[in-house]
Amino acid sequence: MKLKNRIREYRARFNMKQDDLAKKVGVRRETIGRLEMNKYNPSLLLALEIARVFDSSIEEIFEIVEE
């Protein structure tokens, strides 16, 4: 199984740069980039914080898919 996300799509919808989101959730911009490339799985706390920024649920942004 693999965790995929829609962070880039949500950032575009909210007209937000990687750096903007990183500052709101307390991580480095590189972390957001790695998340978007599916090279990093967020902690539950980080996933919750990202969902909160976009006023969404975790399930709307993150999805577990079969490889």
PDB file of N, CA and C in Angstrom:
ATOM      1  N   MET A   1       0.842  -1.193   0.000  1.00  0.00           N
ATOM      2  CA  MET A   1       0.000   0.000   0.000  1.00  0.00           C
ATOM      3  C   MET A   1       0.880   1.247   0.000  1.00  0.00           C
ATOM      4  N   LYS A   2       0.313   2.301  -0.532  1.00  0.00           N
ATOM      5  CA  LYS A   2       1.034   3.552  -0.662  1.00  0.00           C
ATOM      6  C   LYS A   2       0.091   4.701  -0.297  1.00  0.00           C
ATOM      7  N   LEU A   3       0.646   5.725   0.293  1.00  0.00           N
ATOM      8  CA  LEU A   3      -0.136   6.909   0.653  1.00  0.00           C
ATOM      9  C   LEU A   3       0.043   7.965  -0.437  1.00  0.00           C
ATOM     10  N   LYS A   4      -1.049   8.356  -1.065  1.00  0.00           N
ATOM     11  CA  LYS A   4      -1.023   9.429  -2.056  1.00  0.00           C
ATOM     12  C   LYS A   4      -1.761  10.625  -1.476  1.00  0.00           C
ATOM     13  N   ASN A   5      -1.494  11.789  -2.024  1.00  0.00           N
ATOM     14  CA  ASN A   5      -2.153  12.980  -1.496  1.00  0.00           C
ATOM     15  C   ASN A   5      -2.532  13.952  -2.611  1.00  0.00           C
ATOM     16  N   ARG A   6      -3.354  14.910  -2.236  1.00  0.00           N
ATOM     17  CA  ARG A   6      -3.824  15.938  -3.163  1.00  0.00           C
ATOM     18  C   ARG A   6      -3.395  17.327  -2.683  1.00  0.00           C
ATOM     19  N   ILE A   7      -2.257  17.392  -2.011  1.00  0.00           N
ATOM     20  CA  ILE A   7      -1.795  18.666  -1.443  1.00  0.00           C
ATOM     21  C   ILE A   7      -1.596  19.711  -2.534  1.00  0.00           C
ATOM     22  N   ARG A   8      -0.943  19.345  -3.617  1.00  0.00           N
ATOM     23  CA  ARG A   8      -0.674  20.313  -4.699  1.00  0.00           C
ATOM     24  C   ARG A   8      -1.994  20.880  -5.236  1.00  0.00           C
ATOM     25  N   GLU A   9      -2.973  20.018  -5.426  1.00  0.00           N
ATOM     26  CA  GLU A   9      -4.283  20.451  -5.916  1.00  0.00           C
ATOM     27  C   GLU A   9      -4.942  21.428  -4.940  1.00  0.00           C
ATOM     28  N   TYR A  10      -4.872  21.110  -3.664  1.00  0.00           N
ATOM     29  CA  TYR A  10      -5.474  21.993  -2.661  1.00  0.00           C
ATOM     30  C   TYR A  10      -4.714  23.314  -2.562  1.00  0.00           C
ATOM     31  N   ARG A  11      -3.390  23.265  -2.674  1.00  0.00           N
ATOM     32  CA  ARG A  11      -2.621  24.514  -2.637  1.00  0.00           C
ATOM     33  C   ARG A  11      -3.028  25.422  -3.791  1.00  0.00           C
ATOM     34  N   ALA A  12      -3.201  24.833  -4.975  1.00  0.00           N
ATOM     35  CA  ALA A  12      -3.609  25.618  -6.147  1.00  0.00           C
ATOM     36  C   ALA A  12      -4.995  26.220  -5.927  1.00  0.00           C
ATOM     37  N   ARG A  13      -5.887  25.432  -5.368  1.00  0.00           N
ATOM     38  CA  ARG A  13      -7.252  25.886  -5.100  1.00  0.00           C
ATOM     39  C   ARG A  13      -7.254  27.076  -4.140  1.00  0.00           C
ATOM     40  N   PHE A  14      -6.319  27.058  -3.170  1.00  0.00           N
ATOM     41  CA  PHE A  14      -6.235  28.123  -2.168  1.00  0.00           C
ATOM     42  C   PHE A  14      -5.204  29.190  -2.543  1.00  0.00           C
ATOM     43  N   ASN A  15      -4.651  29.081  -3.758  1.00  0.00           N
ATOM     44  CA  ASN A  15      -3.635  30.032  -4.238  1.00  0.00           C
ATOM     45  C   ASN A  15      -2.496  30.171  -3.227  1.00  0.00           C
ATOM     46  N   MET A  16      -1.928  29.039  -2.842  1.00  0.00           N
ATOM     47  CA  MET A  16      -0.924  28.986  -1.789  1.00  0.00           C
ATOM     48  C   MET A  16       0.356  28.344  -2.321  1.00  0.00           C
ATOM     49  N   LYS A  17       1.486  28.918  -1.978  1.00  0.00           N
ATOM     50  CA  LYS A  17       2.779  28.345  -2.351  1.00  0.00           C
ATOM     51  C   LYS A  17       3.197  27.306  -1.317  1.00  0.00           C
ATOM     52  N   GLN A  18       4.164  26.469  -1.702  1.00  0.00           N
ATOM     53  CA  GLN A  18       4.682  25.472  -0.764  1.00  0.00           C
ATOM     54  C   GLN A  18       5.160  26.138   0.516  1.00  0.00           C
ATOM     55  N   ASP A  19       5.847  27.249   0.380  1.00  0.00           N
ATOM     56  CA  ASP A  19       6.386  27.958   1.538  1.00  0.00           C
ATOM     57  C   ASP A  19       5.268  28.458   2.457  1.00  0.00           C
ATOM     58  N   ASP A  20       4.179  28.925   1.869  1.00  0.00           N
ATOM     59  CA  ASP A  20       3.042  29.404   2.666  1.00  0.00           C
ATOM     60  C   ASP A  20       2.474  28.275   3.519  1.00  0.00           C
ATOM     61  N   LEU A  21       2.249  27.124   2.882  1.00  0.00           N
ATOM     62  CA  LEU A  21       1.703  25.986   3.622  1.00  0.00           C
ATOM     63  C   LEU A  21       2.686  25.510   4.687  1.00  0.00           C
ATOM     64  N   ALA A  22       3.963  25.462   4.328  1.00  0.00           N
ATOM     65  CA  ALA A  22       4.989  25.024   5.281  1.00  0.00           C
ATOM     66  C   ALA A  22       4.968  25.890   6.539  1.00  0.00           C
ATOM     67  N   LYS A  23       4.878  27.191   6.371  1.00  0.00           N
ATOM     68  CA  LYS A  23       4.850  28.092   7.526  1.00  0.00           C
ATOM     69  C   LYS A  23       3.605  27.875   8.380  1.00  0.00           C
ATOM     70  N   LYS A  24       2.474  27.614   7.740  1.00  0.00           N
ATOM     71  CA  LYS A  24       1.225  27.420   8.483  1.00  0.00           C
ATOM     72  C   LYS A  24       1.238  26.146   9.324  1.00  0.00           C
ATOM     73  N   VAL A  25       1.959  25.116   8.857  1.00  0.00           N
ATOM     74  CA  VAL A  25       1.965  23.843   9.582  1.00  0.00           C
ATOM     75  C   VAL A  25       3.278  23.587  10.324  1.00  0.00           C
ATOM     76  N   GLY A  26       4.231  24.517  10.232  1.00  0.00           N
ATOM     77  CA  GLY A  26       5.458  24.425  11.020  1.00  0.00           C
ATOM     78  C   GLY A  26       6.496  23.445  10.516  1.00  0.00           C
ATOM     79  N   VAL A  27       6.610  23.317   9.176  1.00  0.00           N
ATOM     80  CA  VAL A  27       7.660  22.478   8.595  1.00  0.00           C
ATOM     81  C   VAL A  27       8.414  23.282   7.552  1.00  0.00           C
ATOM     82  N   ARG A  28       9.463  22.692   7.006  1.00  0.00           N
ATOM     83  CA  ARG A  28      10.227  23.365   5.944  1.00  0.00           C
ATOM     84  C   ARG A  28       9.528  23.177   4.606  1.00  0.00           C
ATOM     85  N   ARG A  29       9.787  24.086   3.684  1.00  0.00           N
ATOM     86  CA  ARG A  29       9.202  24.002   2.344  1.00  0.00           C
ATOM     87  C   ARG A  29       9.555  22.682   1.674  1.00  0.00           C
ATOM     88  N   GLU A  30      10.761  22.196   1.907  1.00  0.00           N
ATOM     89  CA  GLU A  30      11.210  20.934   1.311  1.00  0.00           C
ATOM     90  C   GLU A  30      10.327  19.758   1.751  1.00  0.00           C
ATOM     91  N   THR A  31       9.844  19.824   2.975  1.00  0.00           N
ATOM     92  CA  THR A  31       8.955  18.767   3.474  1.00  0.00           C
ATOM     93  C   THR A  31       7.667  18.737   2.668  1.00  0.00           C
ATOM     94  N   ILE A  32       7.114  19.900   2.378  1.00  0.00           N
ATOM     95  CA  ILE A  32       5.896  19.964   1.568  1.00  0.00           C
ATOM     96  C   ILE A  32       6.185  19.419   0.168  1.00  0.00           C
ATOM     97  N   GLY A  33       7.314  19.772  -0.398  1.00  0.00           N
ATOM     98  CA  GLY A  33       7.685  19.259  -1.714  1.00  0.00           C
ATOM     99  C   GLY A  33       7.797  17.746  -1.720  1.00  0.00           C
ATOM    100  N   ARG A  34       8.429  17.192  -0.690  1.00  0.00           N
ATOM    101  CA  ARG A  34       8.570  15.734  -0.600  1.00  0.00           C
ATOM    102  C   ARG A  34       7.214  15.056  -0.402  1.00  0.00           C
ATOM    103  N   LEU A  35       6.333  15.685   0.363  1.00  0.00           N
ATOM    104  CA  LEU A  35       4.981  15.156   0.522  1.00  0.00           C
ATOM    105  C   LEU A  35       4.267  15.112  -0.826  1.00  0.00           C
ATOM    106  N   GLU A  36       4.348  16.203  -1.573  1.00  0.00           N
ATOM    107  CA  GLU A  36       3.663  16.285  -2.862  1.00  0.00           C
ATOM    108  C   GLU A  36       4.193  15.259  -3.860  1.00  0.00           C
ATOM    109  N   MET A  37       5.460  14.913  -3.756  1.00  0.00           N
ATOM    110  CA  MET A  37       6.052  13.915  -4.650  1.00  0.00           C
ATOM    111  C   MET A  37       5.883  12.493  -4.118  1.00  0.00           C
ATOM    112  N   ASN A  38       5.132  12.365  -3.021  1.00  0.00           N
ATOM    113  CA  ASN A  38       4.899  11.069  -2.374  1.00  0.00           C
ATOM    114  C   ASN A  38       6.198  10.378  -1.962  1.00  0.00           C
ATOM    115  N   LYS A  39       7.176  11.181  -1.542  1.00  0.00           N
ATOM    116  CA  LYS A  39       8.449  10.646  -1.064  1.00  0.00           C
ATOM    117  C   LYS A  39       8.550  10.688   0.451  1.00  0.00           C
ATOM    118  N   TYR A  40       7.490  11.149   1.093  1.00  0.00           N
ATOM    119  CA  TYR A  40       7.488  11.292   2.546  1.00  0.00           C
ATOM    120  C   TYR A  40       6.070  11.105   3.041  1.00  0.00           C
ATOM    121  N   ASN A  41       5.900  10.271   4.054  1.00  0.00           N
ATOM    122  CA  ASN A  41       4.592  10.087   4.674  1.00  0.00           C
ATOM    123  C   ASN A  41       4.524  10.950   5.930  1.00  0.00           C
ATOM    124  N   PRO A  42       3.489  11.778   6.037  1.00  0.00           N
ATOM    125  CA  PRO A  42       3.399  12.681   7.177  1.00  0.00           C
ATOM    126  C   PRO A  42       2.992  11.944   8.451  1.00  0.00           C
ATOM    127  N   SER A  43       3.347  12.524   9.570  1.00  0.00           N
ATOM    128  CA  SER A  43       2.820  12.023  10.840  1.00  0.00           C
ATOM    129  C   SER A  43       1.322  12.324  10.863  1.00  0.00           C
ATOM    130  N   LEU A  44       0.622  11.684  11.751  1.00  0.00           N
ATOM    131  CA  LEU A  44      -0.807  11.938  11.879  1.00  0.00           C
ATOM    132  C   LEU A  44      -1.054  13.398  12.236  1.00  0.00           C
ATOM    133  N   LEU A  45      -0.232  13.949  13.118  1.00  0.00           N
ATOM    134  CA  LEU A  45      -0.383  15.350  13.509  1.00  0.00           C
ATOM    135  C   LEU A  45      -0.209  16.283  12.313  1.00  0.00           C
ATOM    136  N   LEU A  46       0.814  16.044  11.492  1.00  0.00           N
ATOM    137  CA  LEU A  46       1.044  16.889  10.320  1.00  0.00           C
ATOM    138  C   LEU A  46      -0.114  16.756   9.335  1.00  0.00           C
ATOM    139  N   ALA A  47      -0.600  15.538   9.116  1.00  0.00           N
ATOM    140  CA  ALA A  47      -1.729  15.339   8.208  1.00  0.00           C
ATOM    141  C   ALA A  47      -2.956  16.106   8.712  1.00  0.00           C
ATOM    142  N   LEU A  48      -3.202  16.059  10.014  1.00  0.00           N
ATOM    143  CA  LEU A  48      -4.327  16.804  10.601  1.00  0.00           C
ATOM    144  C   LEU A  48      -4.157  18.310  10.415  1.00  0.00           C
ATOM    145  N   GLU A  49      -2.937  18.797  10.620  1.00  0.00           N
ATOM    146  CA  GLU A  49      -2.688  20.234  10.477  1.00  0.00           C
ATOM    147  C   GLU A  49      -2.885  20.677   9.032  1.00  0.00           C
ATOM    148  N   ILE A  50      -2.418  19.874   8.080  1.00  0.00           N
ATOM    149  CA  ILE A  50      -2.606  20.207   6.662  1.00  0.00           C
ATOM    150  C   ILE A  50      -4.091  20.220   6.327  1.00  0.00           C
ATOM    151  N   ALA A  51      -4.815  19.211   6.775  1.00  0.00           N
ATOM    152  CA  ALA A  51      -6.261  19.157   6.521  1.00  0.00           C
ATOM    153  C   ALA A  51      -6.955  20.375   7.121  1.00  0.00           C
ATOM    154  N   ARG A  52      -6.555  20.766   8.298  1.00  0.00           N
ATOM    155  CA  ARG A  52      -7.163  21.924   8.970  1.00  0.00           C
ATOM    156  C   ARG A  52      -6.921  23.208   8.180  1.00  0.00           C
ATOM    157  N   VAL A  53      -5.708  23.382   7.642  1.00  0.00           N
ATOM    158  CA  VAL A  53      -5.406  24.573   6.840  1.00  0.00           C
ATOM    159  C   VAL A  53      -6.372  24.680   5.664  1.00  0.00           C
ATOM    160  N   PHE A  54      -6.687  23.532   5.056  1.00  0.00           N
ATOM    161  CA  PHE A  54      -7.569  23.521   3.889  1.00  0.00           C
ATOM    162  C   PHE A  54      -9.039  23.319   4.255  1.00  0.00           C
ATOM    163  N   ASP A  55      -9.338  23.355   5.553  1.00  0.00           N
ATOM    164  CA  ASP A  55     -10.707  23.175   6.028  1.00  0.00           C
ATOM    165  C   ASP A  55     -11.336  21.916   5.422  1.00  0.00           C
ATOM    166  N   SER A  56     -10.566  20.824   5.458  1.00  0.00           N
ATOM    167  CA  SER A  56     -10.972  19.550   4.869  1.00  0.00           C
ATOM    168  C   SER A  56     -10.691  18.424   5.853  1.00  0.00           C
ATOM    169  N   SER A  57     -11.129  17.236   5.484  1.00  0.00           N
ATOM    170  CA  SER A  57     -10.798  16.067   6.291  1.00  0.00           C
ATOM    171  C   SER A  57      -9.512  15.432   5.763  1.00  0.00           C
ATOM    172  N   ILE A  58      -8.878  14.650   6.590  1.00  0.00           N
ATOM    173  CA  ILE A  58      -7.669  13.947   6.165  1.00  0.00           C
ATOM    174  C   ILE A  58      -7.974  13.082   4.945  1.00  0.00           C
ATOM    175  N   GLU A  59      -9.139  12.418   4.952  1.00  0.00           N
ATOM    176  CA  GLU A  59      -9.506  11.510   3.872  1.00  0.00           C
ATOM    177  C   GLU A  59      -9.673  12.219   2.535  1.00  0.00           C
ATOM    178  N   GLU A  60     -10.012  13.500   2.558  1.00  0.00           N
ATOM    179  CA  GLU A  60     -10.135  14.257   1.307  1.00  0.00           C
ATOM    180  C   GLU A  60      -8.773  14.561   0.695  1.00  0.00           C
ATOM    181  N   ILE A  61      -7.753  14.646   1.523  1.00  0.00           N
ATOM    182  CA  ILE A  61      -6.422  15.028   1.049  1.00  0.00           C
ATOM    183  C   ILE A  61      -5.501  13.822   0.883  1.00  0.00           C
ATOM    184  N   PHE A  62      -5.601  12.867   1.796  1.00  0.00           N
ATOM    185  CA  PHE A  62      -4.717  11.696   1.778  1.00  0.00           C
ATOM    186  C   PHE A  62      -5.518  10.434   1.467  1.00  0.00           C
ATOM    187  N   GLU A  63      -4.913   9.557   0.661  1.00  0.00           N
ATOM    188  CA  GLU A  63      -5.588   8.329   0.259  1.00  0.00           C
ATOM    189  C   GLU A  63      -4.596   7.169   0.234  1.00  0.00           C
ATOM    190  N   ILE A  64      -5.016   6.041   0.748  1.00  0.00           N
ATOM    191  CA  ILE A  64      -4.187   4.839   0.689  1.00  0.00           C
ATOM    192  C   ILE A  64      -4.574   4.088  -0.572  1.00  0.00           C
ATOM    193  N   VAL A  65      -3.578   3.768  -1.405  1.00  0.00           N
ATOM    194  CA  VAL A  65      -3.825   3.046  -2.655  1.00  0.00           C
ATOM    195  C   VAL A  65      -2.979   1.784  -2.698  1.00  0.00           C
ATOM    196  N   GLU A  66      -3.458   0.799  -3.417  1.00  0.00           N
ATOM    197  CA  GLU A  66      -2.697  -0.432  -3.626  1.00  0.00           C
ATOM    198  C   GLU A  66      -1.614  -0.170  -4.651  1.00  0.00           C
ATOM    199  N   GLU A  67      -0.445  -0.736  -4.452  1.00  0.00           N
ATOM    200  CA  GLU A  67       0.648  -0.526  -5.409  1.00  0.00           C
ATOM    201  C   GLU A  67       0.531  -1.478  -6.566  1.00  0.00           C
TER     202      GLU A  67
END
